[in-house]
Amino acid sequence: MTDPNLPEQPGASVPPASQPVPPPAPGPAPAYGQPAPAYGQPAPAYGQPAPGYGQPAGPKTNTLAIISLVASIAGIVILWGIGSIAGVICGHISLSQIKKTGEQGRGMAVAGLIVGYIGIALAIIGTIIAIALSAWFVANYGTMTNY
């Protein structure tokens, strides 16, 4: 059986549809396995999740806790000392915010503090070693009497 709307021969024209097709309703596609909402149903209130769509939002993770951990790791890997100081500051601020608001991210904040303090200690030790080596080179090779 052939569809009357499809052309039977190449180059044949398709007859126009008798009624225009309405455009699809705006909004996100339904979640996998969920039925699509019926046409004409009222939309949920602004800021409210549509029934049957997505998952309920869980507790928010504190942004400064994430920044603390990332900055502390960068302080050891890339920005020796500077990133660690920023990570420690953000870690303390985020712990204070988490205590007040009940957000998630306490573990990340504590990890950022630990890694940050280790990075600061390594930066201080590295600075002391660099100064000691510079002083040793100046003391031993500063006069150039061997040439």
Protein backbone atom coordinates (compact mmCIF):
# COMPACT_ATOMS: atom_id res chain seq x y z
CA MET A 1 0.00 0.00 0.00
CA THR A 2 1.35 3.41 -0.87
CA ASP A 3 0.98 6.70 0.95
CA PRO A 4 -1.07 9.23 -1.05
CA ASN A 5 1.22 12.04 0.17
CA LEU A 6 4.39 10.48 -1.27
CA PRO A 7 5.24 10.96 -4.94
CA GLU A 8 5.14 7.81 -7.04
CA GLN A 9 7.64 8.95 -9.62
CA PRO A 10 10.79 11.03 -9.33
CA GLY A 11 10.06 14.67 -9.99
CA ALA A 12 6.38 14.38 -9.07
CA SER A 13 5.15 17.04 -6.68
CA VAL A 14 3.75 16.34 -3.23
CA PRO A 15 0.20 17.55 -2.73
CA PRO A 16 -0.12 20.22 0.00
CA ALA A 17 -1.43 19.17 3.40
CA SER A 18 -5.03 20.03 4.07
CA GLN A 19 -4.35 21.42 7.57
CA PRO A 20 -1.19 23.13 8.87
CA VAL A 21 0.78 21.21 11.48
CA PRO A 22 1.24 23.17 14.73
CA PRO A 23 4.84 23.71 15.87
CA PRO A 24 6.06 21.57 18.77
CA ALA A 25 5.61 22.99 22.25
CA PRO A 26 8.73 24.70 23.63
CA GLY A 27 10.58 23.17 26.54
CA PRO A 28 12.87 20.29 27.31
CA ALA A 29 12.29 16.84 25.90
CA PRO A 30 10.75 14.30 28.25
CA ALA A 31 13.13 12.12 30.23
CA TYR A 32 13.78 8.66 28.86
CA GLY A 33 10.93 6.35 29.72
CA GLN A 34 8.59 9.17 30.75
CA PRO A 35 5.44 9.90 28.75
CA ALA A 36 5.28 13.22 26.98
CA PRO A 37 2.81 15.71 28.47
CA ALA A 38 -0.52 15.93 26.71
CA TYR A 39 -1.04 18.83 24.36
CA GLY A 40 -2.68 21.75 26.10
CA GLN A 41 -1.63 20.90 29.65
CA PRO A 42 -0.65 23.96 31.68
CA ALA A 43 3.07 24.51 32.15
CA PRO A 44 4.46 24.26 35.69
CA ALA A 45 5.07 27.49 37.59
CA TYR A 46 8.33 29.30 36.89
CA GLY A 47 11.18 27.73 38.85
CA GLN A 48 9.22 24.57 39.62
CA PRO A 49 10.31 21.29 38.03
CA ALA A 50 7.91 19.77 35.56
CA PRO A 51 6.23 16.66 36.94
CA GLY A 52 8.02 13.50 35.85
CA TYR A 53 11.07 15.33 34.52
CA GLY A 54 14.60 14.99 35.85
CA GLN A 55 15.54 14.32 39.43
CA PRO A 56 15.01 16.54 42.42
CA ALA A 57 17.95 18.80 43.09
CA GLY A 58 20.05 17.69 46.04
CA PRO A 59 21.91 19.93 48.46
CA LYS A 60 24.20 22.43 46.76
CA THR A 61 27.99 22.02 46.97
CA ASN A 62 29.82 25.06 48.28
CA THR A 63 31.68 26.75 45.43
CA LEU A 64 34.54 27.98 47.60
CA ALA A 65 35.22 24.40 48.71
CA ILE A 66 35.78 23.42 45.08
CA ILE A 67 37.94 26.50 44.49
CA SER A 68 39.94 25.70 47.64
CA LEU A 69 40.82 22.20 46.46
CA VAL A 70 41.62 23.27 42.89
CA ALA A 71 43.75 26.25 44.01
CA SER A 72 45.64 24.13 46.55
CA ILE A 73 46.48 21.48 43.96
CA ALA A 74 47.52 24.20 41.52
CA GLY A 75 49.65 25.70 44.30
CA ILE A 76 51.71 22.53 44.45
CA VAL A 77 51.80 21.78 40.72
CA ILE A 78 51.90 25.17 38.98
CA LEU A 79 51.80 28.28 41.17
CA TRP A 80 54.20 27.43 43.98
CA GLY A 81 52.94 29.03 47.15
CA ILE A 82 50.45 31.49 45.65
CA GLY A 83 47.80 28.91 44.81
CA SER A 84 48.29 27.23 48.18
CA ILE A 85 47.68 30.50 50.03
CA ALA A 86 44.52 31.12 47.99
CA GLY A 87 43.40 27.53 48.66
CA VAL A 88 43.86 27.90 52.43
CA ILE A 89 41.95 31.20 52.50
CA CYS A 90 39.09 29.81 50.40
CA GLY A 91 39.05 26.63 52.52
CA HIS A 92 38.57 28.51 55.78
CA ILE A 93 35.88 30.75 54.29
CA SER A 94 34.05 27.76 52.80
CA LEU A 95 34.09 25.85 56.10
CA SER A 96 32.50 28.88 57.75
CA GLN A 97 29.85 29.11 55.03
CA ILE A 98 29.14 25.37 55.16
CA LYS A 99 28.62 25.57 58.92
CA LYS A 100 26.08 28.41 58.49
CA THR A 101 24.21 27.20 55.38
CA GLY A 102 24.46 23.41 55.64
CA GLU A 103 25.77 23.04 52.09
CA GLN A 104 27.81 20.06 50.98
CA GLY A 105 31.55 20.19 50.30
CA ARG A 106 33.07 19.97 53.77
CA GLY A 107 35.40 17.15 52.67
CA MET A 108 36.64 19.16 49.71
CA ALA A 109 37.23 22.19 51.91
CA VAL A 110 39.22 20.14 54.44
CA ALA A 111 41.21 18.48 51.63
CA GLY A 112 41.91 21.94 50.16
CA LEU A 113 43.16 23.11 53.55
CA ILE A 114 45.45 20.10 54.02
CA VAL A 115 46.88 20.28 50.51
CA GLY A 116 47.21 24.07 50.82
CA TYR A 117 49.12 23.92 54.10
CA ILE A 118 51.41 21.23 52.65
CA GLY A 119 51.98 23.46 49.60
CA ILE A 120 52.83 26.45 51.82
CA ALA A 121 55.27 24.32 53.84
CA LEU A 122 56.94 23.06 50.66
CA ALA A 123 57.18 26.61 49.30
CA ILE A 124 58.83 27.83 52.53
CA ILE A 125 61.27 24.89 52.57
CA GLY A 126 62.05 25.47 48.88
CA THR A 127 62.69 29.17 49.50
CA ILE A 128 65.05 28.41 52.40
CA ILE A 129 66.96 25.88 50.29
CA ALA A 130 67.20 28.34 47.38
CA ILE A 131 68.56 31.10 49.66
CA ALA A 132 71.04 28.69 51.28
CA LEU A 133 72.28 27.46 47.89
CA SER A 134 72.62 31.01 46.60
CA ALA A 135 74.61 32.00 49.68
CA TRP A 136 76.83 28.94 49.31
CA PHE A 137 77.53 29.67 45.63
CA VAL A 138 78.34 33.30 46.38
CA ALA A 139 80.65 32.29 49.25
CA ASN A 140 82.51 29.64 47.27
CA TYR A 141 82.51 31.00 43.74
CA GLY A 142 82.09 34.74 44.29
CA THR A 143 85.78 35.68 44.17
CA MET A 144 86.73 33.82 40.97
CA THR A 145 90.32 33.27 42.21
CA ASN A 146 90.64 29.89 40.54
CA TYR A 147 91.01 31.40 37.06
